[in-house]
């Protein structure tokens, strides 16, 4: 009822402006009036108005945004970490892309996985890669995993993104997995899964993870977890990327044939 009243008032005000000319300035005024009357209820309590163009753009973005849905995983093992992610991106119930990159190398000893908005995820991966490289040039030593997680958390706390991240890597203290939320919360763990497929992955992880497990066992567990999420989560699937990070070899990505062997 309130929306109808606002629209009625807008039409009355437009009718008082004289004949409607599509190319004249009053057409702009008409659009602004209709937007303002339609979205007025979205203004915060106590505010004097609302930027109708900004609200409309925000609503359109929420409806049409490209999301990764996603399943990502990080597992520590004796000597390093395994990290992986699926390939699917969705727009609502529509599979928008089947080959999205969600696993990023951000340093020789560091990796990032992303769940959430594709644009935010790609922007963060570029920023973190640059910051990690600059740190190494200035300090002549690699950034620690905790340092990379803190850097990421500080970026997100200053300007929240629609993402859920894993910072995974190896330093002098061993392998680490950090889960980082969209507001900058940072939590370390021995293994972690993120994204819409995480409930299915945790079922596999809780059953199969062991402290000090071998590289091969960790890889098989990660592959099985991502495969399980792809079978049950509609927003995950279309294959996966896997990588191993160790102090000796650094970041090493697996080929698709190697991943297939893990699942056979």
Protein backbone atom coordinates (compact mmCIF):
# COMPACT_ATOMS: atom_id res chain seq x y z
CA UNK A 1 0.00 0.00 0.00
CA UNK A 2 2.81 2.39 0.83
CA UNK A 3 4.56 1.73 -2.51
CA UNK A 4 1.28 2.38 -4.37
CA UNK A 5 0.82 5.68 -2.53
CA UNK A 6 4.38 6.78 -3.39
CA UNK A 7 3.86 5.91 -7.06
CA UNK A 8 0.54 7.80 -7.12
CA UNK A 9 2.18 10.87 -5.60
CA UNK A 10 5.00 10.65 -8.14
CA UNK A 11 2.58 10.53 -11.06
CA UNK A 12 0.65 13.53 -9.69
CA UNK A 13 3.86 15.54 -9.42
CA UNK A 14 4.88 14.56 -12.96
CA UNK A 15 1.45 15.54 -14.34
CA UNK A 16 1.96 19.01 -12.87
CA UNK A 17 5.15 19.39 -14.92
CA UNK A 18 3.26 19.68 -18.23
CA UNK A 19 3.37 17.47 -21.36
CA UNK A 20 5.87 14.60 -21.15
CA UNK A 21 8.80 14.97 -23.55
CA UNK A 22 10.90 11.78 -23.72
CA UNK A 23 14.08 13.63 -24.67
CA UNK A 24 13.59 16.60 -22.40
CA UNK A 25 14.85 17.09 -18.85
CA UNK A 26 11.49 16.13 -17.35
CA UNK A 27 12.00 12.52 -18.51
CA UNK A 28 15.01 12.36 -16.19
CA UNK A 29 12.94 13.88 -13.42
CA UNK A 30 10.21 11.30 -14.01
CA UNK A 31 12.67 8.41 -13.68
CA UNK A 32 14.14 9.90 -10.52
CA UNK A 33 10.68 10.39 -9.01
CA UNK A 34 9.61 6.85 -9.75
CA UNK A 35 12.86 5.43 -8.37
CA UNK A 36 12.67 7.58 -5.25
CA UNK A 37 9.04 6.64 -4.56
CA UNK A 38 9.69 2.95 -5.18
CA UNK A 39 12.86 2.61 -3.10
CA UNK A 40 12.15 5.20 -0.38
CA UNK A 41 11.56 2.47 2.19
CA UNK A 42 15.16 1.31 1.71
CA UNK A 43 16.54 4.49 3.27
CA UNK A 44 18.03 4.03 6.77
CA UNK A 45 15.87 5.16 9.68
CA UNK A 46 16.50 8.81 10.49
CA UNK A 47 18.05 9.60 7.09
CA UNK A 48 16.82 12.57 5.07
CA UNK A 49 16.68 10.72 1.79
CA UNK A 50 18.16 8.01 -0.38
CA UNK A 51 20.37 8.05 -3.43
CA UNK A 52 17.91 6.23 -5.68
CA UNK A 53 20.43 5.60 -8.44
CA UNK A 54 22.85 3.95 -6.04
CA UNK A 55 20.13 1.80 -4.49
CA UNK A 56 18.86 0.70 -7.90
CA UNK A 57 22.35 -0.23 -9.06
CA UNK A 58 22.94 -2.16 -5.84
CA UNK A 59 19.72 -4.13 -6.28
CA UNK A 60 20.54 -4.92 -9.90
CA UNK A 61 24.03 -6.05 -8.88
CA UNK A 62 22.63 -8.37 -6.23
CA UNK A 63 20.31 -9.97 -8.76
CA UNK A 64 22.80 -10.41 -11.59
CA UNK A 65 26.12 -10.80 -9.80
CA UNK A 66 28.44 -13.64 -10.75
CA UNK A 67 29.10 -15.81 -7.72
CA UNK A 68 31.47 -18.71 -7.43
CA UNK A 69 29.20 -20.87 -5.24
CA UNK A 70 32.30 -22.85 -4.56
CA UNK A 71 34.16 -25.57 -2.74
CA UNK A 72 37.70 -24.84 -1.57
CA UNK A 73 39.92 -26.79 0.77
CA UNK A 74 43.23 -26.63 2.63
CA UNK A 75 44.86 -29.56 4.46
CA UNK A 76 48.14 -29.67 6.39
CA UNK A 77 50.34 -32.75 6.25
CA UNK A 78 53.77 -33.76 7.46
CA UNK A 79 56.00 -31.35 5.54
CA UNK A 80 53.53 -29.05 3.85
CA UNK A 81 49.97 -28.30 2.80
CA UNK A 82 47.53 -29.35 0.08
CA UNK A 83 45.16 -26.75 -1.34
CA UNK A 84 42.38 -27.05 -3.89
CA UNK A 85 39.19 -25.62 -5.38
CA UNK A 86 36.48 -26.50 -7.89
CA UNK A 87 35.79 -24.73 -11.21
CA UNK A 88 32.10 -23.76 -11.24
CA UNK A 89 30.65 -20.21 -11.11
CA UNK A 90 26.92 -19.59 -10.81
CA UNK A 91 24.35 -16.82 -11.22
CA UNK A 92 21.48 -17.99 -9.06
CA UNK A 93 20.54 -21.43 -10.37
CA UNK A 94 22.35 -20.86 -13.67
CA UNK A 95 25.87 -22.27 -14.21
CA UNK A 96 27.58 -19.19 -15.61
CA UNK A 97 31.06 -20.64 -16.10
CA UNK A 98 32.67 -24.07 -15.86
CA UNK A 99 36.34 -23.08 -15.69
CA UNK A 100 36.68 -20.31 -13.12
CA UNK A 101 40.01 -20.02 -11.31
CA UNK A 102 39.53 -20.05 -7.54
CA UNK A 103 43.02 -21.21 -6.55
CA UNK A 104 45.75 -18.58 -6.86
CA UNK A 105 49.48 -18.74 -6.25
CA UNK A 106 50.35 -15.50 -4.42
CA UNK A 107 53.94 -16.43 -3.52
CA UNK A 108 56.42 -19.28 -3.82
CA UNK A 109 55.24 -20.51 -0.42
CA UNK A 110 51.68 -19.13 -0.38
CA UNK A 111 48.32 -19.79 -2.00
CA UNK A 112 44.88 -18.19 -1.88
CA UNK A 113 41.49 -19.82 -2.44
CA UNK A 114 38.37 -17.76 -2.98
CA UNK A 115 34.63 -18.19 -2.52
CA UNK A 116 32.13 -15.40 -3.19
CA UNK A 117 32.01 -12.69 -5.85
CA UNK A 118 34.36 -13.29 -8.76
CA UNK A 119 35.30 -9.62 -9.14
CA UNK A 120 36.23 -9.21 -5.48
CA UNK A 121 38.16 -12.49 -5.51
CA UNK A 122 40.21 -11.58 -8.58
CA UNK A 123 40.96 -8.10 -7.26
CA UNK A 124 42.18 -9.52 -3.95
CA UNK A 125 44.39 -12.10 -5.67
CA UNK A 126 46.14 -9.36 -7.66
CA UNK A 127 46.59 -7.15 -4.61
CA UNK A 128 47.95 -9.95 -2.43
CA UNK A 129 50.34 -11.19 -5.14
CA UNK A 130 51.78 -7.68 -5.48
CA UNK A 131 52.07 -7.12 -1.72
CA UNK A 132 53.78 -10.48 -1.15
CA UNK A 133 56.27 -9.79 -3.96
CA UNK A 134 57.02 -6.29 -2.61
CA UNK A 135 57.53 -7.68 0.90
CA UNK A 136 60.08 -10.20 -0.40
CA UNK A 137 61.93 -7.54 -2.38
CA UNK A 138 62.15 -5.23 0.62
CA UNK A 139 62.92 -7.80 3.32
CA UNK A 140 64.83 -10.33 1.23
CA UNK A 141 62.79 -13.12 2.81
CA UNK A 142 59.41 -14.69 2.11
CA UNK A 143 56.31 -13.55 3.95
CA UNK A 144 55.11 -15.95 6.65
CA UNK A 145 51.70 -17.56 6.32
CA UNK A 146 50.52 -15.72 9.42
CA UNK A 147 51.77 -12.46 7.93
CA UNK A 148 49.88 -13.09 4.69
CA UNK A 149 46.72 -13.93 6.65
CA UNK A 150 47.05 -10.76 8.73
CA UNK A 151 47.63 -8.66 5.61
CA UNK A 152 44.51 -10.14 4.01
CA UNK A 153 42.45 -9.63 7.17
CA UNK A 154 43.54 -5.98 7.37
CA UNK A 155 42.51 -5.37 3.75
CA UNK A 156 39.08 -6.88 4.38
CA UNK A 157 38.50 -5.08 7.68
CA UNK A 158 39.15 -1.76 5.96
CA UNK A 159 36.85 -2.52 3.04
CA UNK A 160 34.71 -5.66 3.38
CA UNK A 161 34.37 -7.88 0.32
CA UNK A 162 31.77 -10.52 -0.47
CA UNK A 163 34.26 -13.37 -0.13
CA UNK A 164 35.39 -16.21 2.08
CA UNK A 165 39.07 -17.01 1.73
CA UNK A 166 41.75 -19.50 2.63
CA UNK A 167 45.37 -18.42 3.00
CA UNK A 168 47.47 -21.57 2.82
CA UNK A 169 51.22 -21.99 2.87
CA UNK A 170 54.48 -23.10 4.41
CA UNK A 171 57.10 -21.18 6.42
CA UNK A 172 59.81 -21.93 9.00
CA UNK A 173 57.14 -23.09 11.46
CA UNK A 174 55.59 -25.61 9.04
CA UNK A 175 52.35 -25.77 7.08
CA UNK A 176 49.38 -23.55 7.93
CA UNK A 177 45.78 -23.03 6.85
CA UNK A 178 43.94 -19.77 7.71
CA UNK A 179 40.25 -19.20 7.13
CA UNK A 180 39.38 -15.53 6.57
CA UNK A 181 35.84 -14.15 6.49
CA UNK A 182 34.51 -11.16 4.56
CA UNK A 183 34.96 -8.75 7.51
CA UNK A 184 38.58 -9.72 8.21
CA UNK A 185 38.24 -12.46 10.82
CA UNK A 186 41.26 -14.80 10.64
CA UNK A 187 41.25 -18.31 12.14
CA UNK A 188 44.09 -20.87 11.84
CA UNK A 189 43.38 -24.60 11.61
CA UNK A 190 44.99 -27.86 10.51
CA UNK A 191 42.38 -28.20 7.76
CA UNK A 192 39.51 -26.09 6.49
CA UNK A 193 36.81 -26.05 3.81
CA UNK A 194 34.89 -23.03 2.54
CA UNK A 195 32.02 -22.24 0.24
CA UNK A 196 28.60 -23.73 -0.40
CA UNK A 197 30.11 -27.21 -0.75
CA UNK A 198 31.90 -27.11 2.62
CA UNK A 199 29.30 -29.18 4.56
CA UNK A 200 29.82 -32.10 2.18
CA UNK A 201 33.60 -31.75 2.32
CA UNK A 202 33.66 -31.65 6.11
CA UNK A 203 31.91 -35.00 6.20
CA UNK A 204 34.85 -36.49 4.28
CA UNK A 205 37.48 -34.48 6.15
CA UNK A 206 36.28 -35.39 9.63
CA UNK A 207 36.42 -39.05 8.71
CA UNK A 208 39.72 -39.07 6.84
CA UNK A 209 42.04 -36.46 8.36
CA UNK A 210 44.90 -37.55 10.61
CA UNK A 211 47.63 -35.45 12.20
CA UNK A 212 50.96 -35.90 10.43
CA UNK A 213 49.45 -37.64 7.40
CA UNK A 214 51.56 -38.15 4.28
CA UNK A 215 51.56 -36.00 1.14
CA UNK A 216 49.83 -38.70 -0.89
CA UNK A 217 47.13 -39.29 1.72
CA UNK A 218 46.47 -35.55 2.01
CA UNK A 219 46.13 -35.23 -1.76
CA UNK A 220 43.72 -38.16 -1.95
CA UNK A 221 41.66 -36.73 0.91
CA UNK A 222 41.46 -33.30 -0.76
CA UNK A 223 40.47 -34.82 -4.10
CA UNK A 224 37.79 -37.01 -2.47
CA UNK A 225 36.41 -34.04 -0.53
CA UNK A 226 36.12 -31.83 -3.62
CA UNK A 227 34.61 -34.71 -5.60
CA UNK A 228 31.98 -35.25 -2.88
CA UNK A 229 30.96 -31.57 -2.91
CA UNK A 230 30.67 -31.65 -6.69
CA UNK A 231 28.30 -34.60 -6.45
CA UNK A 232 25.89 -32.98 -3.97
CA UNK A 233 26.33 -29.19 -4.12
CA UNK A 234 24.68 -27.60 -7.18
CA UNK A 235 27.04 -24.59 -7.05
CA UNK A 236 30.23 -26.70 -7.09
CA UNK A 237 31.80 -29.00 -9.63
CA UNK A 238 33.15 -29.12 -13.20
CA UNK A 239 36.51 -30.45 -12.07
CA UNK A 240 39.07 -29.13 -9.66
CA UNK A 241 42.51 -27.57 -9.20
CA UNK A 242 44.94 -29.02 -6.66
CA UNK A 243 48.39 -27.89 -5.54
CA UNK A 244 51.00 -28.91 -2.98
CA UNK A 245 53.21 -26.44 -1.11
CA UNK A 246 56.37 -27.62 0.65
CA UNK A 247 59.47 -25.87 1.96
CA UNK A 248 61.64 -27.78 -0.51
CA UNK A 249 59.66 -27.43 -3.75
CA UNK A 250 57.44 -24.44 -3.05
CA UNK A 251 54.12 -24.21 -4.88
CA UNK A 252 53.53 -27.12 -7.27
CA UNK A 253 50.24 -27.43 -9.17
CA UNK A 254 48.98 -30.89 -10.14
CA UNK A 255 48.03 -31.67 -13.71
CA UNK A 256 44.54 -32.88 -14.54
CA UNK A 257 45.88 -36.35 -15.29
CA UNK A 258 47.46 -36.51 -11.83
CA UNK A 259 44.15 -35.44 -10.27
CA UNK A 260 42.31 -38.12 -12.22
CA UNK A 261 44.67 -40.78 -10.84
CA UNK A 262 43.94 -39.63 -7.28
CA UNK A 263 40.22 -40.18 -7.87
CA UNK A 264 40.56 -43.57 -9.59
